[in-house]
């Protein structure tokens, strides 16, 4: 797979690196015949191993916001602030629309997901974008755009649960979150 920068509806942009799928929650769940309905509904994560030649180009910091500083382990309550950065080509290259801030609507799926409302909402192409809580901890990644029951909300998979699942069933020794190298600065 390739990583690109500056893509739009008419161009793929510039290739900046390559990688290989190292873990897929869907494949891990299929391999073990997962029966936990909440895990099946909300555990939507993948990890890509960046090719060694491109590894120096990778920075774990969230663009615009910085962080993460750690992992959120207790979820979010309704009204708690969240931060994200999505760069869908549907925004036509308008980078000012990429940083997002908003609020959590709470937790669903027994802690596996956090519906959130952000300005601007996550759109197709933003899937996998990181979400941070108000302290700069990694909350999760964008996985859905809801039509109902919370129209226009985004579903954010709980990173703590997804990472724990990957650690247990993914076969990647020492798997852990790498904190960002840039400080978390919630400027909006």
N, C-alpha and C. Protein backbone atom coordinates (compact mmCIF):
# COMPACT_ATOMS: atom_id res chain seq x y z
N UNK A 1 0.83 -1.17 0.00
CA UNK A 1 0.00 0.00 0.00
C UNK A 1 0.88 1.24 0.00
N UNK A 2 0.33 2.34 -0.46
CA UNK A 2 1.11 3.58 -0.54
C UNK A 2 0.49 4.65 0.34
N UNK A 3 1.33 5.58 0.78
CA UNK A 3 0.91 6.74 1.54
C UNK A 3 1.08 7.96 0.64
N UNK A 4 0.08 8.81 0.63
CA UNK A 4 0.14 9.99 -0.23
C UNK A 4 -0.08 11.27 0.53
N UNK A 5 0.30 12.37 -0.11
CA UNK A 5 0.08 13.71 0.45
C UNK A 5 -0.45 14.59 -0.68
N UNK A 6 -1.44 15.43 -0.33
CA UNK A 6 -1.94 16.40 -1.30
C UNK A 6 -2.90 15.82 -2.31
N UNK A 7 -3.57 14.73 -2.00
CA UNK A 7 -4.52 14.14 -2.92
C UNK A 7 -5.80 14.96 -3.00
N UNK A 8 -6.53 14.78 -4.07
CA UNK A 8 -7.81 15.47 -4.26
C UNK A 8 -8.72 14.56 -5.08
N UNK A 9 -9.87 15.07 -5.45
CA UNK A 9 -10.80 14.28 -6.26
C UNK A 9 -10.24 14.00 -7.65
N UNK A 10 -9.29 14.81 -8.11
CA UNK A 10 -8.75 14.64 -9.46
C UNK A 10 -7.32 14.11 -9.48
N UNK A 11 -6.68 14.01 -8.32
CA UNK A 11 -5.28 13.57 -8.28
C UNK A 11 -5.02 12.74 -7.04
N UNK A 12 -4.16 11.74 -7.15
CA UNK A 12 -3.77 10.94 -6.00
C UNK A 12 -2.76 11.66 -5.12
N UNK A 13 -2.25 12.79 -5.59
CA UNK A 13 -1.24 13.52 -4.83
C UNK A 13 0.13 12.91 -5.03
N UNK A 14 1.02 13.16 -4.09
CA UNK A 14 2.40 12.69 -4.16
C UNK A 14 2.60 11.51 -3.23
N UNK A 15 3.16 10.44 -3.75
CA UNK A 15 3.46 9.29 -2.90
C UNK A 15 4.62 9.65 -1.99
N UNK A 16 4.44 9.43 -0.67
CA UNK A 16 5.49 9.74 0.29
C UNK A 16 6.02 8.50 1.02
N UNK A 17 5.44 7.34 0.74
CA UNK A 17 5.93 6.14 1.39
C UNK A 17 5.09 4.92 1.04
N UNK A 18 5.58 3.77 1.52
CA UNK A 18 4.89 2.51 1.29
C UNK A 18 4.91 1.67 2.55
N UNK A 19 3.99 0.72 2.62
CA UNK A 19 3.93 -0.16 3.77
C UNK A 19 3.15 -1.42 3.46
N UNK A 20 3.04 -2.27 4.48
CA UNK A 20 2.37 -3.56 4.37
C UNK A 20 1.42 -3.73 5.54
N UNK A 21 0.24 -4.29 5.29
CA UNK A 21 -0.70 -4.55 6.36
C UNK A 21 -0.07 -5.52 7.36
N UNK A 22 0.01 -5.10 8.63
CA UNK A 22 0.60 -5.94 9.67
C UNK A 22 -0.46 -6.54 10.58
N UNK A 23 -1.63 -5.90 10.68
CA UNK A 23 -2.70 -6.38 11.56
C UNK A 23 -4.02 -5.80 11.09
N UNK A 24 -5.05 -6.63 11.13
CA UNK A 24 -6.41 -6.21 10.84
C UNK A 24 -7.31 -6.81 11.91
N UNK A 25 -8.07 -5.97 12.61
CA UNK A 25 -8.97 -6.48 13.63
C UNK A 25 -10.01 -7.42 13.02
N UNK A 26 -10.47 -7.10 11.82
CA UNK A 26 -11.46 -7.95 11.16
C UNK A 26 -10.90 -9.34 10.90
N UNK A 27 -9.68 -9.42 10.42
CA UNK A 27 -9.07 -10.73 10.17
C UNK A 27 -8.83 -11.47 11.48
N UNK A 28 -8.37 -10.76 12.51
CA UNK A 28 -8.14 -11.39 13.81
C UNK A 28 -9.45 -11.94 14.39
N UNK A 29 -10.53 -11.18 14.25
CA UNK A 29 -11.82 -11.65 14.77
C UNK A 29 -12.34 -12.84 13.97
N UNK A 30 -12.16 -12.83 12.66
CA UNK A 30 -12.58 -13.97 11.85
C UNK A 30 -11.77 -15.22 12.19
N UNK A 31 -10.47 -15.04 12.38
CA UNK A 31 -9.59 -16.18 12.68
C UNK A 31 -9.95 -16.86 14.00
N UNK A 32 -10.48 -16.08 14.95
CA UNK A 32 -10.82 -16.69 16.25
C UNK A 32 -12.31 -16.88 16.42
N UNK A 33 -13.09 -16.65 15.34
CA UNK A 33 -14.55 -16.79 15.41
C UNK A 33 -15.14 -16.00 16.57
N UNK A 34 -14.78 -14.72 16.63
CA UNK A 34 -15.21 -13.83 17.71
C UNK A 34 -16.73 -13.83 17.84
N UNK A 35 -17.23 -13.93 19.07
CA UNK A 35 -18.67 -13.92 19.33
C UNK A 35 -19.12 -12.71 20.14
N UNK A 36 -18.21 -11.91 20.66
CA UNK A 36 -18.58 -10.72 21.41
C UNK A 36 -19.19 -9.71 20.44
N UNK A 37 -20.50 -9.48 20.57
CA UNK A 37 -21.21 -8.62 19.62
C UNK A 37 -20.65 -7.20 19.58
N UNK A 38 -20.25 -6.66 20.72
CA UNK A 38 -19.71 -5.30 20.74
C UNK A 38 -18.35 -5.23 20.06
N UNK A 39 -17.51 -6.22 20.30
CA UNK A 39 -16.23 -6.26 19.60
C UNK A 39 -16.46 -6.35 18.09
N UNK A 40 -17.38 -7.22 17.69
CA UNK A 40 -17.65 -7.38 16.25
C UNK A 40 -18.20 -6.10 15.63
N UNK A 41 -19.02 -5.38 16.37
CA UNK A 41 -19.64 -4.16 15.82
C UNK A 41 -18.70 -2.96 15.80
N UNK A 42 -17.77 -2.88 16.75
CA UNK A 42 -16.99 -1.64 16.91
C UNK A 42 -15.48 -1.78 16.79
N UNK A 43 -14.93 -2.99 16.81
CA UNK A 43 -13.49 -3.17 16.74
C UNK A 43 -13.05 -3.09 15.28
N UNK A 44 -12.69 -1.89 14.85
CA UNK A 44 -12.37 -1.64 13.44
C UNK A 44 -11.01 -0.95 13.37
N UNK A 45 -9.95 -1.74 13.43
CA UNK A 45 -8.61 -1.14 13.40
C UNK A 45 -7.67 -1.96 12.54
N UNK A 46 -6.66 -1.29 12.06
CA UNK A 46 -5.63 -1.95 11.27
C UNK A 46 -4.30 -1.26 11.56
N UNK A 47 -3.24 -1.99 11.42
CA UNK A 47 -1.89 -1.45 11.58
C UNK A 47 -1.11 -1.71 10.31
N UNK A 48 -0.36 -0.70 9.89
CA UNK A 48 0.47 -0.81 8.70
C UNK A 48 1.93 -0.71 9.11
N UNK A 49 2.73 -1.66 8.67
CA UNK A 49 4.17 -1.60 8.90
C UNK A 49 4.78 -0.77 7.78
N UNK A 50 5.37 0.35 8.15
CA UNK A 50 5.99 1.24 7.18
C UNK A 50 7.30 0.64 6.71
N UNK A 51 7.52 0.66 5.38
CA UNK A 51 8.77 0.15 4.84
C UNK A 51 9.95 0.87 5.49
N UNK A 52 11.01 0.13 5.76
CA UNK A 52 12.19 0.67 6.45
C UNK A 52 12.73 1.92 5.76
N UNK A 53 12.72 1.95 4.45
CA UNK A 53 13.26 3.10 3.72
C UNK A 53 12.44 4.36 3.97
N UNK A 54 11.17 4.21 4.38
CA UNK A 54 10.30 5.35 4.59
C UNK A 54 10.07 5.66 6.07
N UNK A 55 10.61 4.84 6.98
CA UNK A 55 10.33 4.99 8.41
C UNK A 55 10.75 6.35 8.97
N UNK A 56 11.80 6.94 8.45
CA UNK A 56 12.24 8.24 8.96
C UNK A 56 11.26 9.36 8.63
N UNK A 57 10.31 9.10 7.72
CA UNK A 57 9.32 10.10 7.34
C UNK A 57 8.09 10.08 8.25
N UNK A 58 8.03 9.10 9.15
CA UNK A 58 6.85 8.93 9.99
C UNK A 58 7.04 9.64 11.32
N UNK A 59 6.00 10.39 11.72
CA UNK A 59 5.99 11.05 13.02
C UNK A 59 4.66 10.69 13.68
N UNK A 60 4.66 10.16 14.90
CA UNK A 60 3.42 9.75 15.53
C UNK A 60 2.54 10.90 16.01
N UNK A 61 2.99 12.14 15.88
CA UNK A 61 2.21 13.29 16.34
C UNK A 61 0.98 13.51 15.46
N UNK A 62 -0.11 13.96 16.07
CA UNK A 62 -1.32 14.28 15.35
C UNK A 62 -1.12 15.66 14.71
N UNK A 63 -1.28 15.78 13.40
CA UNK A 63 -1.11 17.10 12.77
C UNK A 63 -1.99 18.15 13.44
N UNK A 64 -1.49 19.35 13.53
CA UNK A 64 -2.16 20.54 14.06
C UNK A 64 -2.24 20.53 15.59
N UNK A 65 -2.62 19.41 16.22
CA UNK A 65 -2.86 19.35 17.66
C UNK A 65 -1.65 18.88 18.46
N UNK A 66 -0.78 18.05 17.89
CA UNK A 66 0.27 17.41 18.67
C UNK A 66 -0.29 16.22 19.42
N UNK A 67 0.55 15.64 20.31
CA UNK A 67 0.13 14.45 21.03
C UNK A 67 0.10 13.25 20.09
N UNK A 68 -0.35 12.12 20.54
CA UNK A 68 -0.95 11.86 21.84
C UNK A 68 0.09 11.78 22.94
N UNK A 69 -0.39 12.02 24.16
CA UNK A 69 0.49 11.96 25.33
C UNK A 69 0.37 10.63 26.06
N UNK A 70 -0.64 9.85 25.72
CA UNK A 70 -0.89 8.56 26.35
C UNK A 70 -2.16 7.98 25.76
N UNK A 71 -2.74 7.01 26.47
CA UNK A 71 -3.98 6.36 26.02
C UNK A 71 -5.10 6.68 27.00
N UNK A 72 -6.25 7.06 26.49
CA UNK A 72 -7.44 7.24 27.30
C UNK A 72 -7.91 5.85 27.73
N UNK A 73 -8.02 5.63 29.05
CA UNK A 73 -8.41 4.31 29.54
C UNK A 73 -9.79 4.29 30.18
N UNK A 74 -10.45 5.46 30.27
CA UNK A 74 -11.76 5.48 30.92
C UNK A 74 -12.88 6.02 30.04
N UNK A 75 -12.66 6.13 28.73
CA UNK A 75 -13.71 6.59 27.82
C UNK A 75 -14.00 8.07 27.95
N UNK A 76 -15.13 8.48 27.42
CA UNK A 76 -15.53 9.88 27.48
C UNK A 76 -16.98 9.98 27.92
N UNK A 77 -17.27 11.05 28.63
CA UNK A 77 -18.65 11.33 29.01
C UNK A 77 -19.25 12.34 28.04
N UNK A 78 -20.57 12.40 28.04
CA UNK A 78 -21.27 13.35 27.17
C UNK A 78 -20.78 14.77 27.47
N UNK A 79 -20.44 15.49 26.40
CA UNK A 79 -19.99 16.87 26.52
C UNK A 79 -18.50 17.06 26.64
N UNK A 80 -17.74 15.97 26.81
CA UNK A 80 -16.29 16.11 26.91
C UNK A 80 -15.70 16.45 25.55
N UNK A 81 -14.73 17.36 25.52
CA UNK A 81 -14.10 17.85 24.29
C UNK A 81 -13.24 16.77 23.66
N UNK A 82 -13.25 16.71 22.32
CA UNK A 82 -12.40 15.81 21.54
C UNK A 82 -11.75 16.59 20.41
N UNK A 83 -10.63 16.05 19.90
CA UNK A 83 -9.87 16.70 18.84
C UNK A 83 -9.48 15.65 17.80
N UNK A 84 -9.47 16.05 16.54
CA UNK A 84 -9.08 15.14 15.47
C UNK A 84 -8.50 15.93 14.31
N UNK A 85 -7.94 15.21 13.36
CA UNK A 85 -7.43 15.81 12.13
C UNK A 85 -7.69 14.82 11.02
N UNK A 86 -8.50 15.23 10.06
CA UNK A 86 -8.81 14.37 8.92
C UNK A 86 -8.48 15.10 7.64
N UNK A 87 -8.03 14.39 6.65
CA UNK A 87 -7.59 15.04 5.43
C UNK A 87 -8.20 14.37 4.20
N UNK A 88 -9.53 14.17 4.24
CA UNK A 88 -10.23 13.53 3.13
C UNK A 88 -10.07 14.34 1.85
N UNK A 89 -9.96 13.65 0.73
CA UNK A 89 -9.88 14.34 -0.56
C UNK A 89 -11.20 15.04 -0.88
N UNK A 90 -12.28 14.69 -0.17
CA UNK A 90 -13.57 15.35 -0.39
C UNK A 90 -13.55 16.82 0.03
N UNK A 91 -12.54 17.20 0.80
CA UNK A 91 -12.40 18.61 1.20
C UNK A 91 -11.68 19.44 0.13
N UNK A 92 -11.33 18.80 -0.98
CA UNK A 92 -10.73 19.49 -2.11
C UNK A 92 -9.41 20.17 -1.82
N UNK A 93 -8.65 19.65 -0.86
CA UNK A 93 -7.35 20.22 -0.55
C UNK A 93 -7.40 21.43 0.36
N UNK A 94 -8.57 21.78 0.90
CA UNK A 94 -8.69 22.93 1.81
C UNK A 94 -8.27 22.46 3.21
N UNK A 95 -6.99 22.69 3.53
CA UNK A 95 -6.43 22.18 4.78
C UNK A 95 -7.05 22.80 6.02
N UNK A 96 -7.63 23.99 5.90
CA UNK A 96 -8.25 24.64 7.05
C UNK A 96 -9.43 23.82 7.59
N UNK A 97 -9.97 22.92 6.77
CA UNK A 97 -11.08 22.07 7.20
C UNK A 97 -10.60 20.76 7.84
N UNK A 98 -9.30 20.53 7.87
CA UNK A 98 -8.77 19.27 8.39
C UNK A 98 -8.77 19.16 9.91
N UNK A 99 -8.34 20.20 10.66
CA UNK A 99 -8.42 20.07 12.12
C UNK A 99 -9.87 20.13 12.56
N UNK A 100 -10.23 19.23 13.47
CA UNK A 100 -11.60 19.20 13.96
C UNK A 100 -11.61 19.18 15.48
N UNK A 101 -12.57 19.88 16.05
CA UNK A 101 -12.81 19.80 17.47
C UNK A 101 -14.30 19.60 17.68
N UNK A 102 -14.65 18.99 18.76
CA UNK A 102 -16.05 18.72 19.01
C UNK A 102 -16.26 18.15 20.39
N UNK A 103 -17.39 17.45 20.55
CA UNK A 103 -17.74 16.89 21.85
C UNK A 103 -18.17 15.44 21.70
N UNK A 104 -17.90 14.69 22.76
CA UNK A 104 -18.35 13.31 22.84
C UNK A 104 -19.82 13.30 23.21
N UNK A 105 -20.53 12.32 22.69
CA UNK A 105 -21.93 12.12 23.06
C UNK A 105 -22.01 11.05 24.15
N UNK A 106 -20.87 10.46 24.50
CA UNK A 106 -20.82 9.43 25.52
C UNK A 106 -20.15 8.18 25.02
N UNK A 107 -20.64 7.05 25.44
CA UNK A 107 -20.05 5.76 25.09
C UNK A 107 -21.17 4.80 24.72
N UNK A 108 -20.88 3.91 23.77
CA UNK A 108 -21.84 2.87 23.42
C UNK A 108 -21.10 1.56 23.22
N UNK A 109 -21.85 0.50 23.03
CA UNK A 109 -21.23 -0.81 22.81
C UNK A 109 -20.40 -1.28 23.97
N UNK A 110 -20.87 -1.02 25.20
CA UNK A 110 -20.14 -1.42 26.41
C UNK A 110 -18.71 -0.91 26.41
N UNK A 111 -18.52 0.34 25.94
CA UNK A 111 -17.21 0.98 25.97
C UNK A 111 -16.39 0.85 24.70
N UNK A 112 -16.88 0.11 23.71
CA UNK A 112 -16.11 -0.10 22.48
C UNK A 112 -16.17 1.08 21.53
N UNK A 113 -17.10 2.02 21.71
CA UNK A 113 -17.23 3.13 20.76
C UNK A 113 -17.67 4.40 21.47
N UNK A 114 -17.28 5.53 20.88
CA UNK A 114 -17.63 6.86 21.40
C UNK A 114 -18.20 7.68 20.26
N UNK A 115 -19.53 7.89 20.23
CA UNK A 115 -20.07 8.79 19.21
C UNK A 115 -19.68 10.22 19.54
N UNK A 116 -19.28 10.97 18.52
CA UNK A 116 -18.85 12.37 18.71
C UNK A 116 -19.46 13.25 17.62
N UNK A 117 -19.61 14.52 17.93
CA UNK A 117 -19.95 15.53 16.94
C UNK A 117 -18.76 16.47 16.84
N UNK A 118 -18.33 16.75 15.62
CA UNK A 118 -17.19 17.65 15.41
C UNK A 118 -17.53 18.68 14.34
N UNK A 119 -16.79 19.77 14.38
CA UNK A 119 -16.85 20.81 13.34
C UNK A 119 -15.48 20.76 12.67
N UNK A 120 -15.39 20.43 11.45
CA UNK A 120 -16.34 19.83 10.53
C UNK A 120 -16.44 18.34 10.79
N UNK A 121 -17.58 17.70 10.40
CA UNK A 121 -17.68 16.27 10.67
C UNK A 121 -16.70 15.46 9.83
N UNK A 122 -16.36 14.29 10.35
CA UNK A 122 -15.56 13.36 9.57
C UNK A 122 -16.38 12.90 8.37
N UNK A 123 -15.75 12.79 7.24
CA UNK A 123 -16.41 12.39 6.00
C UNK A 123 -15.66 11.21 5.41
N UNK A 124 -16.26 10.52 4.41
CA UNK A 124 -15.53 9.43 3.77
C UNK A 124 -14.13 9.89 3.34
N UNK A 125 -13.15 9.10 3.67
CA UNK A 125 -11.75 9.45 3.43
C UNK A 125 -11.05 9.85 4.71
N UNK A 126 -11.82 10.21 5.75
CA UNK A 126 -11.24 10.53 7.06
C UNK A 126 -11.14 9.30 7.95
N UNK A 127 -11.72 8.19 7.53
CA UNK A 127 -11.71 6.98 8.35
C UNK A 127 -10.29 6.64 8.77
N UNK A 128 -10.16 6.27 10.03
CA UNK A 128 -8.85 5.97 10.58
C UNK A 128 -8.17 7.17 11.22
N UNK A 129 -8.78 8.36 11.09
CA UNK A 129 -8.20 9.56 11.71
C UNK A 129 -8.20 9.40 13.23
N UNK A 130 -7.13 9.85 13.84
CA UNK A 130 -7.00 9.74 15.30
C UNK A 130 -7.89 10.75 16.00
N UNK A 131 -8.40 10.36 17.16
CA UNK A 131 -9.15 11.26 18.04
C UNK A 131 -8.45 11.31 19.39
N UNK A 132 -8.33 12.52 19.92
CA UNK A 132 -7.72 12.75 21.22
C UNK A 132 -8.79 13.25 22.18
N UNK A 133 -8.62 12.96 23.48
CA UNK A 133 -9.52 13.53 24.47
C UNK A 133 -9.00 14.91 24.88
N UNK A 134 -9.65 15.54 25.83
CA UNK A 134 -9.32 16.91 26.23
C UNK A 134 -7.92 17.03 26.82
N UNK A 135 -7.34 15.94 27.31
CA UNK A 135 -5.99 15.96 27.89
C UNK A 135 -4.92 15.57 26.88
N UNK A 136 -5.32 15.24 25.66
CA UNK A 136 -4.35 14.85 24.63
C UNK A 136 -4.08 13.36 24.58
N UNK A 137 -4.89 12.57 25.30
CA UNK A 137 -4.74 11.12 25.26
C UNK A 137 -5.42 10.56 24.02
N UNK A 138 -4.86 9.50 23.45
CA UNK A 138 -5.45 8.84 22.30
C UNK A 138 -6.75 8.18 22.73
N UNK A 139 -7.86 8.65 22.16
CA UNK A 139 -9.17 8.10 22.46
C UNK A 139 -9.49 6.95 21.50
N UNK A 140 -9.27 7.17 20.21
CA UNK A 140 -9.58 6.16 19.23
C UNK A 140 -9.44 6.66 17.82
N UNK A 141 -10.02 5.92 16.90
CA UNK A 141 -9.96 6.29 15.49
C UNK A 141 -11.36 6.33 14.90
N UNK A 142 -11.54 7.23 13.95
CA UNK A 142 -12.82 7.40 13.28
C UNK A 142 -13.14 6.15 12.46
N UNK A 143 -14.33 5.59 12.69
CA UNK A 143 -14.70 4.40 11.91
C UNK A 143 -16.03 4.54 11.19
N UNK A 144 -16.94 5.39 11.68
CA UNK A 144 -18.25 5.49 11.03
C UNK A 144 -18.78 6.91 10.99
N UNK A 145 -19.65 7.16 10.02
CA UNK A 145 -20.45 8.38 9.94
C UNK A 145 -21.89 7.91 10.09
N UNK A 146 -22.56 8.36 11.16
CA UNK A 146 -23.89 7.85 11.47
C UNK A 146 -24.99 8.61 10.73
N UNK A 147 -25.98 7.88 10.31
CA UNK A 147 -27.20 8.45 9.75
C UNK A 147 -28.27 8.41 10.84
N UNK A 148 -28.29 7.34 11.64
CA UNK A 148 -29.23 7.21 12.74
C UNK A 148 -28.55 6.39 13.83
N UNK A 149 -28.85 6.51 15.08
CA UNK A 149 -29.83 7.43 15.64
C UNK A 149 -29.30 8.85 15.85
N UNK A 150 -27.99 9.04 15.76
CA UNK A 150 -27.39 10.37 15.97
C UNK A 150 -26.87 10.89 14.64
N UNK A 151 -27.76 11.39 13.81
CA UNK A 151 -27.41 11.82 12.45
C UNK A 151 -26.25 12.79 12.45
N UNK A 152 -25.26 12.49 11.60
CA UNK A 152 -24.10 13.36 11.45
C UNK A 152 -23.01 13.15 12.48
N UNK A 153 -23.24 12.24 13.44
CA UNK A 153 -22.19 11.97 14.42
C UNK A 153 -21.19 11.00 13.81
N UNK A 154 -20.01 10.96 14.39
CA UNK A 154 -18.98 10.02 13.98
C UNK A 154 -18.79 9.00 15.09
N UNK A 155 -18.61 7.74 14.70
CA UNK A 155 -18.28 6.70 15.66
C UNK A 155 -16.78 6.56 15.76
N UNK A 156 -16.28 6.66 16.98
CA UNK A 156 -14.85 6.56 17.23
C UNK A 156 -14.60 5.29 18.04
N UNK A 157 -13.88 4.34 17.42
CA UNK A 157 -13.55 3.10 18.11
C UNK A 157 -12.63 3.37 19.29
N UNK A 158 -12.85 2.68 20.40
CA UNK A 158 -12.06 2.88 21.62
C UNK A 158 -10.67 2.26 21.46
N UNK A 159 -9.64 3.10 21.39
CA UNK A 159 -8.28 2.62 21.14
C UNK A 159 -7.78 1.71 22.25
N UNK A 160 -8.11 2.00 23.49
CA UNK A 160 -7.64 1.16 24.58
C UNK A 160 -8.14 -0.28 24.41
N UNK A 161 -9.41 -0.45 24.06
CA UNK A 161 -9.95 -1.79 23.85
C UNK A 161 -9.37 -2.42 22.58
N UNK A 162 -9.29 -1.63 21.50
CA UNK A 162 -8.76 -2.17 20.24
C UNK A 162 -7.30 -2.58 20.38
N UNK A 163 -6.50 -1.77 21.07
CA UNK A 163 -5.09 -2.10 21.27
C UNK A 163 -4.95 -3.34 22.15
N UNK A 164 -5.76 -3.43 23.21
CA UNK A 164 -5.72 -4.62 24.07
C UNK A 164 -6.07 -5.88 23.27
N UNK A 165 -7.06 -5.77 22.40
CA UNK A 165 -7.45 -6.91 21.56
C UNK A 165 -6.29 -7.30 20.64
N UNK A 166 -5.67 -6.29 20.01
CA UNK A 166 -4.54 -6.56 19.11
C UNK A 166 -3.36 -7.17 19.87
N UNK A 167 -3.11 -6.69 21.08
CA UNK A 167 -2.02 -7.24 21.88
C UNK A 167 -2.28 -8.72 22.19
N UNK A 168 -3.54 -9.04 22.47
CA UNK A 168 -3.88 -10.41 22.85
C UNK A 168 -3.96 -11.36 21.65
N UNK A 169 -4.48 -10.87 20.51
CA UNK A 169 -4.76 -11.77 19.40
C UNK A 169 -4.04 -11.42 18.10
N UNK A 170 -3.21 -10.37 18.10
CA UNK A 170 -2.59 -9.93 16.86
C UNK A 170 -1.24 -10.52 16.53
N UNK A 171 -0.58 -11.13 17.51
CA UNK A 171 0.70 -11.76 17.25
C UNK A 171 1.85 -10.79 17.02
N UNK A 172 1.72 -9.54 17.51
CA UNK A 172 2.81 -8.57 17.37
C UNK A 172 3.39 -8.32 18.76
N UNK A 173 4.54 -8.89 19.03
CA UNK A 173 5.17 -8.76 20.34
C UNK A 173 5.52 -7.30 20.63
N UNK A 174 5.22 -6.86 21.85
CA UNK A 174 5.58 -5.52 22.28
C UNK A 174 4.72 -4.40 21.71
N UNK A 175 3.59 -4.72 21.13
CA UNK A 175 2.73 -3.71 20.52
C UNK A 175 2.27 -2.69 21.57
N UNK A 176 2.50 -1.40 21.29
CA UNK A 176 2.09 -0.33 22.20
C UNK A 176 1.96 0.98 21.44
N UNK A 177 1.27 1.93 22.04
CA UNK A 177 1.13 3.26 21.47
C UNK A 177 2.45 4.00 21.58
N UNK A 178 2.83 4.69 20.52
CA UNK A 178 4.01 5.55 20.55
C UNK A 178 3.51 6.98 20.74
N UNK A 179 3.89 7.65 21.82
CA UNK A 179 3.44 9.04 22.03
C UNK A 179 3.96 9.96 20.92
N UNK A 180 3.23 11.05 20.71
CA UNK A 180 3.66 12.03 19.74
C UNK A 180 4.92 12.73 20.18
N UNK A 181 5.66 13.26 19.22
CA UNK A 181 6.88 14.00 19.54
C UNK A 181 6.59 15.49 19.70
N UNK A 182 5.42 15.93 19.27
CA UNK A 182 5.02 17.33 19.42
C UNK A 182 4.08 17.46 20.61
N UNK A 183 4.20 18.53 21.40
CA UNK A 183 3.31 18.67 22.56
C UNK A 183 1.86 18.87 22.13
N UNK A 184 0.94 18.37 22.95
CA UNK A 184 -0.48 18.55 22.68
C UNK A 184 -0.85 20.00 22.99
N UNK A 185 -1.41 20.68 22.00
CA UNK A 185 -1.78 22.09 22.15
C UNK A 185 -3.17 22.32 21.56
N UNK A 186 -4.21 22.26 22.40
CA UNK A 186 -5.58 22.48 21.91
C UNK A 186 -5.85 23.97 21.68
N UNK A 187 -5.47 24.48 20.52
CA UNK A 187 -5.53 25.91 20.25
C UNK A 187 -6.89 26.43 19.86
N UNK A 188 -7.85 25.56 19.50
CA UNK A 188 -9.19 26.02 19.12
C UNK A 188 -10.15 25.93 20.27
